[in-house]
Protein backbone atom coordinates (compact mmCIF):
# COMPACT_ATOMS: atom_id res chain seq x y z
CA UNK A 1 0.03 -0.04 0.13
CA UNK A 2 2.77 2.42 0.94
CA UNK A 3 4.63 1.70 -2.60
CA UNK A 4 1.21 2.30 -4.30
CA UNK A 5 0.67 5.77 -2.17
CA UNK A 6 4.27 6.86 -3.24
CA UNK A 7 3.82 6.20 -6.85
CA UNK A 8 0.58 7.98 -6.77
CA UNK A 9 2.42 11.06 -5.35
CA UNK A 10 5.37 10.78 -7.92
CA UNK A 11 2.58 10.61 -10.92
CA UNK A 12 1.06 13.67 -9.56
CA UNK A 13 4.47 15.69 -10.22
CA UNK A 14 5.25 13.84 -13.53
CA UNK A 15 5.52 15.97 -16.70
CA UNK A 16 4.11 14.79 -19.86
CA UNK A 17 6.59 13.99 -22.71
CA UNK A 18 5.98 13.93 -26.37
CA UNK A 19 8.12 11.07 -27.23
CA UNK A 20 11.56 9.44 -26.91
CA UNK A 21 14.36 12.15 -27.32
CA UNK A 22 16.66 10.81 -30.22
CA UNK A 23 18.12 13.97 -31.76
CA UNK A 24 21.47 14.91 -30.31
CA UNK A 25 21.53 18.27 -28.79
CA UNK A 26 23.51 21.12 -30.78
CA UNK A 27 24.61 22.88 -27.42
CA UNK A 28 27.76 20.68 -27.33
CA UNK A 29 27.88 20.63 -23.48
CA UNK A 30 29.54 17.99 -21.34
CA UNK A 31 28.64 14.60 -20.18
CA UNK A 32 31.36 14.24 -17.78
CA UNK A 33 30.98 15.84 -14.23
CA UNK A 34 34.07 17.79 -12.79
CA UNK A 35 35.68 18.78 -16.22
CA UNK A 36 35.17 22.36 -15.78
CA UNK A 37 32.40 22.58 -18.63
CA UNK A 38 28.67 22.92 -18.06
CA UNK A 39 26.89 19.38 -17.99
CA UNK A 40 23.64 18.18 -19.50
CA UNK A 41 20.86 17.63 -17.03
CA UNK A 42 19.83 13.92 -16.52
CA UNK A 43 16.36 12.92 -16.99
CA UNK A 44 16.08 11.13 -13.73
CA UNK A 45 17.24 14.20 -11.80
CA UNK A 46 14.75 15.32 -9.37
CA UNK A 47 14.15 18.53 -6.70
CA UNK A 48 12.20 17.39 -3.62
CA UNK A 49 9.20 19.25 -2.79
CA UNK A 50 9.75 19.24 0.85
CA UNK A 51 13.29 19.74 2.11
CA UNK A 52 12.72 20.06 5.82
CA UNK A 53 11.35 17.17 8.00
CA UNK A 54 11.04 16.43 11.62
CA UNK A 55 13.45 13.95 13.27
CA UNK A 56 12.09 10.47 12.65
CA UNK A 57 9.62 11.47 9.83
CA UNK A 58 9.67 9.85 6.49
CA UNK A 59 10.56 12.16 3.74
CA UNK A 60 7.70 12.49 1.21
CA UNK A 61 8.63 11.13 -2.38
CA UNK A 62 7.05 14.26 -3.87
CA UNK A 63 9.66 15.69 -6.25
CA UNK A 64 9.86 18.03 -9.51
CA UNK A 65 11.72 17.02 -12.43
CA UNK A 66 14.82 19.27 -12.75
CA UNK A 67 15.06 21.83 -15.46
CA UNK A 68 17.93 22.05 -17.94
CA UNK A 69 19.35 21.08 -21.27
CA UNK A 70 19.12 17.55 -22.38
CA UNK A 71 21.83 15.67 -24.36
CA UNK A 72 19.17 14.40 -26.68
CA UNK A 73 16.19 16.48 -27.72
CA UNK A 74 12.91 15.63 -29.28
CA UNK A 75 12.53 18.10 -31.97
CA UNK A 76 14.85 18.66 -34.91
CA UNK A 77 16.09 22.30 -34.62
CA UNK A 78 16.35 22.80 -38.67
CA UNK A 79 12.50 22.14 -39.10
CA UNK A 80 11.38 23.41 -35.69
CA UNK A 81 8.68 26.26 -35.80
CA UNK A 82 8.02 27.92 -32.65
CA UNK A 83 5.28 30.52 -31.28
CA UNK A 84 5.55 32.83 -28.21
CA UNK A 85 2.44 34.71 -26.68
CA UNK A 86 2.43 37.10 -23.85
CA UNK A 87 -0.80 37.34 -21.87
CA UNK A 88 -2.51 39.16 -18.99
CA UNK A 89 -1.27 42.50 -17.66
CA UNK A 90 2.02 44.26 -17.65
CA UNK A 91 4.99 43.07 -15.75
CA UNK A 92 8.56 43.97 -15.43
CA UNK A 93 10.63 41.62 -17.39
CA UNK A 94 8.09 40.32 -20.00
CA UNK A 95 10.59 41.65 -22.88
CA UNK A 96 13.53 40.15 -21.12
CA UNK A 97 11.99 36.71 -21.26
CA UNK A 98 10.90 37.19 -24.93
CA UNK A 99 14.35 38.21 -25.97
CA UNK A 100 16.22 35.62 -24.26
CA UNK A 101 13.98 32.88 -25.72
CA UNK A 102 14.66 34.26 -29.09
CA UNK A 103 18.37 34.28 -28.57
CA UNK A 104 18.48 30.91 -27.12
CA UNK A 105 16.50 29.24 -29.88
CA UNK A 106 18.28 31.11 -32.59
CA UNK A 107 22.25 31.06 -31.52
CA UNK A 108 22.17 28.01 -29.35
CA UNK A 109 19.68 25.55 -30.92
CA UNK A 110 19.70 27.19 -34.41
CA UNK A 111 15.84 27.47 -34.61
CA UNK A 112 15.25 29.95 -37.34
CA UNK A 113 11.29 29.94 -37.45
CA UNK A 114 9.89 31.82 -34.51
CA UNK A 115 6.52 33.64 -34.30
CA UNK A 116 5.50 36.22 -31.92
CA UNK A 117 1.60 36.33 -31.74
CA UNK A 118 0.12 39.81 -30.83
CA UNK A 119 -1.99 40.81 -27.89
CA UNK A 120 -2.08 37.66 -25.92
CA UNK A 121 -4.28 34.78 -26.66
CA UNK A 122 -6.11 37.13 -29.17
CA UNK A 123 -3.29 36.54 -31.38
CA UNK A 124 -4.26 32.92 -31.91
CA UNK A 125 -7.84 34.15 -33.06
CA UNK A 126 -7.86 35.20 -36.67
CA UNK A 127 -11.04 37.27 -35.99
CA UNK A 128 -8.86 39.83 -34.53
CA UNK A 129 -6.86 40.49 -37.60
CA UNK A 130 -3.65 40.72 -35.78
CA UNK A 131 -1.05 38.33 -37.65
CA UNK A 132 1.97 37.17 -35.92
CA UNK A 133 5.32 38.76 -36.50
CA UNK A 134 8.67 37.07 -37.21
CA UNK A 135 11.11 37.05 -34.24
CA UNK A 136 14.79 37.02 -34.67
CA UNK A 137 17.93 38.60 -32.88
CA UNK A 138 17.53 41.82 -34.72
CA UNK A 139 13.80 42.11 -33.93
CA UNK A 140 14.50 41.84 -30.17
CA UNK A 141 17.87 43.47 -29.95
CA UNK A 142 16.87 46.30 -27.61
CA UNK A 143 13.55 45.30 -26.13
CA UNK A 144 14.88 44.35 -22.64
CA UNK A 145 15.54 48.09 -22.12
CA UNK A 146 11.99 48.72 -21.96
CA UNK A 147 8.78 48.13 -19.83
CA UNK A 148 5.57 46.41 -21.25
CA UNK A 149 5.63 43.72 -24.10
CA UNK A 150 6.69 44.36 -27.72
CA UNK A 151 4.08 41.53 -28.42
CA UNK A 152 1.43 43.36 -26.75
CA UNK A 153 -1.13 41.68 -24.06
CA UNK A 154 -4.80 41.10 -23.50
CA UNK A 155 -6.96 39.20 -20.97
CA UNK A 156 -9.98 36.92 -21.52
CA UNK A 157 -10.94 33.57 -22.90
CA UNK A 158 -10.58 32.29 -26.29
CA UNK A 159 -12.08 29.30 -28.01
CA UNK A 160 -9.42 26.49 -27.27
CA UNK A 161 -10.18 24.62 -30.53
CA UNK A 162 -9.87 27.78 -32.75
CA UNK A 163 -6.45 28.53 -31.07
CA UNK A 164 -5.15 24.84 -31.58
CA UNK A 165 -6.43 25.26 -35.37
CA UNK A 166 -4.05 28.32 -35.52
CA UNK A 167 -1.14 26.36 -34.09
CA UNK A 168 -1.81 23.76 -36.86
CA UNK A 169 -2.30 26.23 -39.49
CA UNK A 170 1.11 27.67 -38.67
CA UNK A 171 2.74 24.26 -38.43
CA UNK A 172 3.94 25.10 -35.01
CA UNK A 173 5.88 22.50 -32.87
CA UNK A 174 6.18 24.70 -29.67
CA UNK A 175 4.14 27.22 -28.02
CA UNK A 176 5.59 29.31 -25.11
CA UNK A 177 2.86 31.03 -23.01
CA UNK A 178 4.47 33.87 -20.71
CA UNK A 179 1.58 34.84 -18.11
CA UNK A 180 0.00 34.52 -14.76
CA UNK A 181 -2.77 31.97 -13.56
CA UNK A 182 -5.21 32.86 -16.34
CA UNK A 183 -2.55 32.51 -18.98
CA UNK A 184 -1.45 29.19 -17.54
CA UNK A 185 -5.09 27.74 -17.23
CA UNK A 186 -5.27 28.69 -20.86
CA UNK A 187 -1.98 26.96 -21.76
CA UNK A 188 -3.05 23.70 -19.98
CA UNK A 189 -6.47 23.82 -21.90
CA UNK A 190 -4.46 24.23 -25.25
CA UNK A 191 -2.06 21.34 -24.28
CA UNK A 192 -5.13 19.06 -23.51
CA UNK A 193 -6.60 19.99 -26.84
CA UNK A 194 -3.42 19.13 -28.65
CA UNK A 195 -3.26 15.71 -26.72
CA UNK A 196 -6.62 14.88 -27.67
CA UNK A 197 -6.00 15.49 -31.15
CA UNK A 198 -2.71 13.71 -31.16
CA UNK A 199 -0.77 16.57 -32.01
CA UNK A 200 3.08 16.51 -31.22
CA UNK A 201 3.04 20.16 -29.99
CA UNK A 202 4.94 21.09 -26.83
CA UNK A 203 3.22 23.72 -24.77
CA UNK A 204 5.45 25.45 -22.07
CA UNK A 205 4.57 28.22 -19.59
CA UNK A 206 6.59 30.76 -17.73
CA UNK A 207 4.93 32.19 -14.88
CA UNK A 208 4.53 35.79 -14.67
CA UNK A 209 2.81 37.87 -11.93
CA UNK A 210 4.29 40.69 -9.76
CA UNK A 211 1.80 39.39 -7.04
CA UNK A 212 4.22 36.34 -6.73
CA UNK A 213 1.05 34.30 -6.15
CA UNK A 214 1.59 31.32 -8.56
CA UNK A 215 1.99 28.15 -6.29
CA UNK A 216 4.84 25.67 -6.52
CA UNK A 217 7.48 28.26 -7.64
CA UNK A 218 9.44 30.08 -5.02
CA UNK A 219 9.25 33.34 -7.26
CA UNK A 220 7.69 34.78 -10.28
CA UNK A 221 9.46 37.35 -12.48
CA UNK A 222 8.70 40.98 -12.25
CA UNK A 223 8.33 40.68 -8.20
CA UNK A 224 11.71 41.90 -7.39
CA UNK A 225 11.30 45.03 -9.46
CA UNK A 226 7.71 45.50 -8.08
CA UNK A 227 9.50 45.44 -4.61
CA UNK A 228 12.00 48.00 -5.64
CA UNK A 229 9.39 50.53 -6.97
CA UNK A 230 7.07 49.84 -4.11
CA UNK A 231 9.92 50.84 -1.60
CA UNK A 232 10.58 54.08 -3.47
CA UNK A 233 6.72 54.93 -2.84
CA UNK A 234 6.97 54.00 0.80
CA UNK A 235 10.24 56.28 0.88
CA UNK A 236 7.92 59.23 -0.38
CA UNK A 237 5.18 58.34 2.04
CA UNK A 238 7.62 58.41 4.92
CA UNK A 239 9.09 61.68 3.84
CA UNK A 240 5.55 63.18 3.63
CA UNK A 241 4.54 61.84 7.04
CA UNK A 242 7.48 63.21 8.79
CA UNK A 243 7.19 66.62 7.22
CA UNK A 244 4.06 67.53 9.16
CA UNK A 245 2.65 67.24 12.71
CA UNK A 246 0.64 63.80 13.04
CA UNK A 247 1.50 62.94 9.29
CA UNK A 248 0.16 59.70 8.14
CA UNK A 249 1.44 58.38 4.74
CA UNK A 250 -0.58 55.45 3.16
CA UNK A 251 0.80 53.27 0.14
CA UNK A 252 -1.62 50.81 -1.68
CA UNK A 253 0.21 48.06 -3.37
CA UNK A 254 -0.70 45.41 -5.82
CA UNK A 255 -2.10 41.95 -4.30
CA UNK A 256 -5.47 40.68 -5.02
CA UNK A 257 -5.15 37.37 -2.98
CA UNK A 258 -1.64 37.70 -1.70
CA UNK A 259 0.51 40.28 0.14
CA UNK A 260 4.05 39.30 -0.94
CA UNK A 261 4.78 42.77 -2.53
CA UNK A 262 3.24 44.57 0.61
CA UNK A 263 5.25 42.21 3.00
CA UNK A 264 8.64 42.50 1.06
CA UNK A 265 8.39 46.22 0.45
CA UNK A 266 7.91 46.73 4.07
CA UNK A 267 10.96 44.61 4.94
CA UNK A 268 13.00 46.30 2.34
CA UNK A 269 11.90 49.89 3.53
CA UNK A 270 12.07 49.44 7.32
CA UNK A 271 10.08 52.86 7.38
CA UNK A 272 6.44 51.12 7.76
CA UNK A 273 4.37 50.98 10.74
CA UNK A 274 1.49 49.19 9.95
CA UNK A 275 1.42 46.33 7.06
CA UNK A 276 -1.97 44.97 5.99
CA UNK A 277 -2.35 42.18 3.91
CA UNK A 278 -5.32 39.91 2.60
CA UNK A 279 -4.09 36.75 4.46
CA UNK A 280 -4.28 38.24 8.08
CA UNK A 281 -7.60 39.72 9.49
CA UNK A 282 -7.40 42.95 11.14
CA UNK A 283 -10.10 45.40 12.52
CA UNK A 284 -10.52 49.09 12.16
CA UNK A 285 -12.49 49.90 15.33
CA UNK A 286 -12.06 48.97 19.18
CA UNK A 287 -9.29 49.47 21.70
CA UNK A 288 -6.89 47.18 19.63
CA UNK A 289 -8.15 48.05 16.06
CA UNK A 290 -5.95 49.83 13.53
CA UNK A 291 -7.61 53.21 14.34
CA UNK A 292 -6.99 53.19 17.84
CA UNK A 293 -3.39 51.73 17.31
CA UNK A 294 -2.75 54.47 14.71
CA UNK A 295 -4.06 57.18 17.05
CA UNK A 296 -1.63 56.05 19.81
CA UNK A 297 1.46 55.77 17.37
CA UNK A 298 0.89 59.51 16.55
CA UNK A 299 0.66 60.71 20.07
CA UNK A 300 4.09 58.84 20.87
CA UNK A 301 5.96 59.40 17.49
CA UNK A 302 4.32 62.20 15.65
CA UNK A 303 3.78 60.13 12.23
CA UNK A 304 3.09 56.95 10.88
CA UNK A 305 3.48 54.82 7.54
CA UNK A 306 0.75 52.36 6.54
CA UNK A 307 1.01 49.99 3.68
CA UNK A 308 -2.01 48.05 2.44
CA UNK A 309 -2.33 45.51 -0.25
CA UNK A 310 -5.25 46.08 -2.66
CA UNK A 311 -6.89 42.69 -1.66
CA UNK A 312 -7.53 44.08 1.78
CA UNK A 313 -10.70 45.72 0.19
CA UNK A 314 -12.54 42.46 1.12
CA UNK A 315 -12.25 43.76 4.65
CA UNK A 316 -14.35 46.75 3.85
CA UNK A 317 -16.65 45.55 1.00
CA UNK A 318 -19.23 42.84 1.60
CA UNK A 319 -20.94 43.46 -1.70
CA UNK A 320 -19.97 41.32 -4.82
CA UNK A 321 -16.69 42.55 -6.47
CA UNK A 322 -16.70 42.76 -10.16
CA UNK A 323 -14.17 40.76 -12.28
CA UNK A 324 -11.97 41.56 -15.32
CA UNK A 325 -11.77 39.39 -18.51
CA UNK A 326 -9.54 36.96 -16.73
CA UNK A 327 -11.75 36.17 -13.93
CA UNK A 328 -9.67 38.28 -11.43
CA UNK A 329 -11.29 40.63 -8.75
CA UNK A 330 -11.14 44.34 -9.62
CA UNK A 331 -10.19 46.08 -6.52
CA UNK A 332 -9.24 49.30 -8.02
CA UNK A 333 -12.65 50.97 -8.48
CA UNK A 334 -14.90 53.14 -6.42
CA UNK A 335 -16.35 51.04 -3.40
CA UNK A 336 -13.87 48.23 -3.88
CA UNK A 337 -10.62 50.50 -3.74
CA UNK A 338 -9.08 49.89 -0.37
CA UNK A 339 -6.72 52.91 -0.49
CA UNK A 340 -9.20 55.90 -0.56
CA UNK A 341 -11.42 53.72 1.85
CA UNK A 342 -8.69 53.54 4.09
CA UNK A 343 -7.48 57.34 3.88
CA UNK A 344 -11.19 58.59 4.24
CA UNK A 345 -11.62 56.29 7.38
CA UNK A 346 -8.32 57.33 9.12
CA UNK A 347 -8.93 61.07 8.35
CA UNK A 348 -12.57 60.94 9.60
CA UNK A 349 -11.43 59.11 12.83
CA UNK A 350 -8.81 61.78 13.62
CA UNK A 351 -11.16 64.56 12.80
CA UNK A 352 -13.72 63.14 15.27
CA UNK A 353 -10.97 62.49 18.05
CA UNK A 354 -10.02 66.16 17.19
CA UNK A 355 -6.47 65.03 16.26
CA UNK A 356 -4.93 67.68 13.70
CA UNK A 357 -3.51 65.30 11.20
CA UNK A 358 -2.18 65.38 7.41
CA UNK A 359 -3.14 62.07 5.55
CA UNK A 360 -1.39 61.63 2.33
CA UNK A 361 -2.11 58.69 0.00
CA UNK A 362 0.09 57.25 -2.72
CA UNK A 363 -0.86 54.54 -5.50
CA UNK A 364 2.00 53.66 -7.56
CA UNK A 365 0.41 50.42 -9.13
CA UNK A 366 0.66 51.13 -12.67
CA UNK A 367 4.43 52.51 -12.07
CA UNK A 368 5.02 49.29 -10.71
CA UNK A 369 3.95 46.91 -13.43
CA UNK A 370 5.05 49.03 -16.53
CA UNK A 371 8.67 49.77 -15.94
CA UNK A 372 11.69 47.81 -17.20
CA UNK A 373 13.22 44.89 -14.94
CA UNK A 374 15.77 45.61 -12.32
CA UNK A 375 19.22 43.79 -12.37
CA UNK A 376 17.85 40.83 -10.34
CA UNK A 377 14.81 40.39 -12.31
CA UNK A 378 16.73 40.73 -15.45
CA UNK A 379 18.89 37.76 -14.49
CA UNK A 380 16.05 35.88 -13.39
CA UNK A 381 14.04 36.28 -16.59
CA UNK A 382 17.05 35.12 -18.58
CA UNK A 383 17.27 32.07 -16.70
CA UNK A 384 13.57 31.14 -16.87
CA UNK A 385 13.81 31.79 -20.66
CA UNK A 386 16.49 29.58 -21.36
CA UNK A 387 15.26 26.75 -19.13
CA UNK A 388 11.93 27.00 -21.03
CA UNK A 389 13.45 26.72 -24.37
CA UNK A 390 15.32 23.68 -23.03
CA UNK A 391 12.02 22.01 -21.85
CA UNK A 392 10.42 22.69 -25.12
CA UNK A 393 13.10 21.28 -27.37
CA UNK A 394 13.38 18.28 -25.14
CA UNK A 395 9.67 17.65 -25.78
CA UNK A 396 8.22 18.26 -22.38
CA UNK A 397 4.64 19.81 -22.37
CA UNK A 398 1.69 20.75 -20.22
CA UNK A 399 4.41 22.10 -18.13
CA UNK A 400 5.52 25.15 -16.34
CA UNK A 401 9.49 26.16 -15.86
CA UNK A 402 9.83 27.56 -12.33
CA UNK A 403 12.15 27.55 -9.56
CA UNK A 404 11.82 25.66 -6.20
CA UNK A 405 14.38 25.80 -3.38
CA UNK A 406 16.61 27.78 -5.79
CA UNK A 407 16.71 25.10 -8.27
CA UNK A 408 14.84 25.36 -11.60
CA UNK A 409 12.19 22.71 -12.28
CA UNK A 410 9.40 21.48 -14.62
CA UNK A 411 6.00 21.62 -13.00
CA UNK A 412 2.87 19.99 -14.42
CA UNK A 413 0.35 22.92 -15.43
CA UNK A 414 -2.46 20.72 -13.92
CA UNK A 415 -0.73 21.24 -10.56
CA UNK A 416 -0.06 25.09 -10.88
CA UNK A 417 -3.52 26.02 -12.14
CA UNK A 418 -5.21 24.22 -9.13
CA UNK A 419 -4.38 26.88 -6.29
CA UNK A 420 -2.58 30.11 -5.33
CA UNK A 421 0.36 30.74 -3.12
CA UNK A 422 -0.53 33.21 -0.27
CA UNK A 423 1.64 34.72 2.80
CA UNK A 424 1.61 32.19 5.64
CA UNK A 425 0.71 34.24 8.74
CA UNK A 426 2.52 31.63 10.91
CA UNK A 427 5.57 31.67 9.03
CA UNK A 428 8.94 33.32 9.62
CA UNK A 429 8.49 35.58 6.88
CA UNK A 430 5.49 37.38 8.48
CA UNK A 431 6.98 37.25 11.63
CA UNK A 432 9.86 39.32 10.22
CA UNK A 433 7.32 41.87 8.95
CA UNK A 434 5.67 42.38 12.41
CA UNK A 435 9.07 42.57 14.12
CA UNK A 436 10.14 45.19 11.52
CA UNK A 437 6.97 47.29 11.96
CA UNK A 438 6.36 46.48 15.60
CA UNK A 439 2.65 46.49 14.78
CA UNK A 440 0.18 44.68 17.15
CA UNK A 441 -2.37 41.86 16.05
CA UNK A 442 -4.76 44.83 15.36
CA UNK A 443 -7.76 42.61 16.48
CA UNK A 444 -9.83 42.78 19.70
CA UNK A 445 -10.09 39.05 20.14
CA UNK A 446 -7.56 37.56 22.55
CA UNK A 447 -4.69 35.50 21.10
CA UNK A 448 -5.55 31.78 20.62
């Protein structure tokens, strides 16, 4: 029974392959460890899901397939045709990933036929009239210096059958899908449709979201840049708050379901006094609520900085939240925009309490996602792109290239699309945030 359970766990993390890899790789890497040359990655190499166990506990057999270049590949580079699509919202690093994919395919694998589909999955729908563009090193030479995506993006569902028809019409062998949870769900659907039709088309995803909420990867590209820009906004809010008596600076950051940007920017800044994220409940009223704690902070220090993730709007709004074309909650409009709600609640509370104060509000959301990647993200994007190319050329499909325990991995798309990653309130990460801010629990219930 134990062997059957272990096998079932292994199957859950197995990545589908299009077939046997028989074509020698053109990369000319080493097959001998220790000869001071980069090695090919062996097919049986794995990265454990859990690396920490209690004494006496049996480690779980759950493990991801290691990403990397294979000694033998599935597709013949001389005849391989590749498509690339970028979907969802803007994110720093999109052009970096795109450029590195093209360079790896062209310079290293000698693939010459690379198509970029315009405006997300809409580009796979002929009805939108956006023909793909040819991508080569000259076309992507300088795109990594700019934010946005040279291919454009869009949100929303397209008919899966129609999209696969487009792949067939263009004779594609590999489709790289760069995007967040909605994009990866679409990539999974495309992969399943290709499998049902018996088409040997590799579908490989690269996870993209500044929110960093994609499960089973330790970081998504764009996150480091988002934290950098968010810290600048916090620095501005801190200056505004200190520049006047009882100054309050409020910064709203992106994070629909997860507070990773807010938490990381708080730690990077060390000027934040209250960090509010969707995963940790808080109360506004009562002796131990945010308003009373803020009032005490002003009385003792004369200023305060509050960082709030956009998903905290759920604490204030019980009405139904509208959704965007990808099915994501929209927290930047009217009664669901937590920034102005929090600003007005604080200003009114201090007015009623006759506390003369100046409340300043900063929303850097679109600055955060539209800029070029910083140095850390640029390096990470390049790595993700190359590992994705290796996966596609080796015939892996229905998979995402990610990083886990600082090792690059292949993760089944079915596993990725089933959940979202969130900040764990019991983790050392959140403990660090509360220690950096000094904030109390912000609830009136006694600790459990």
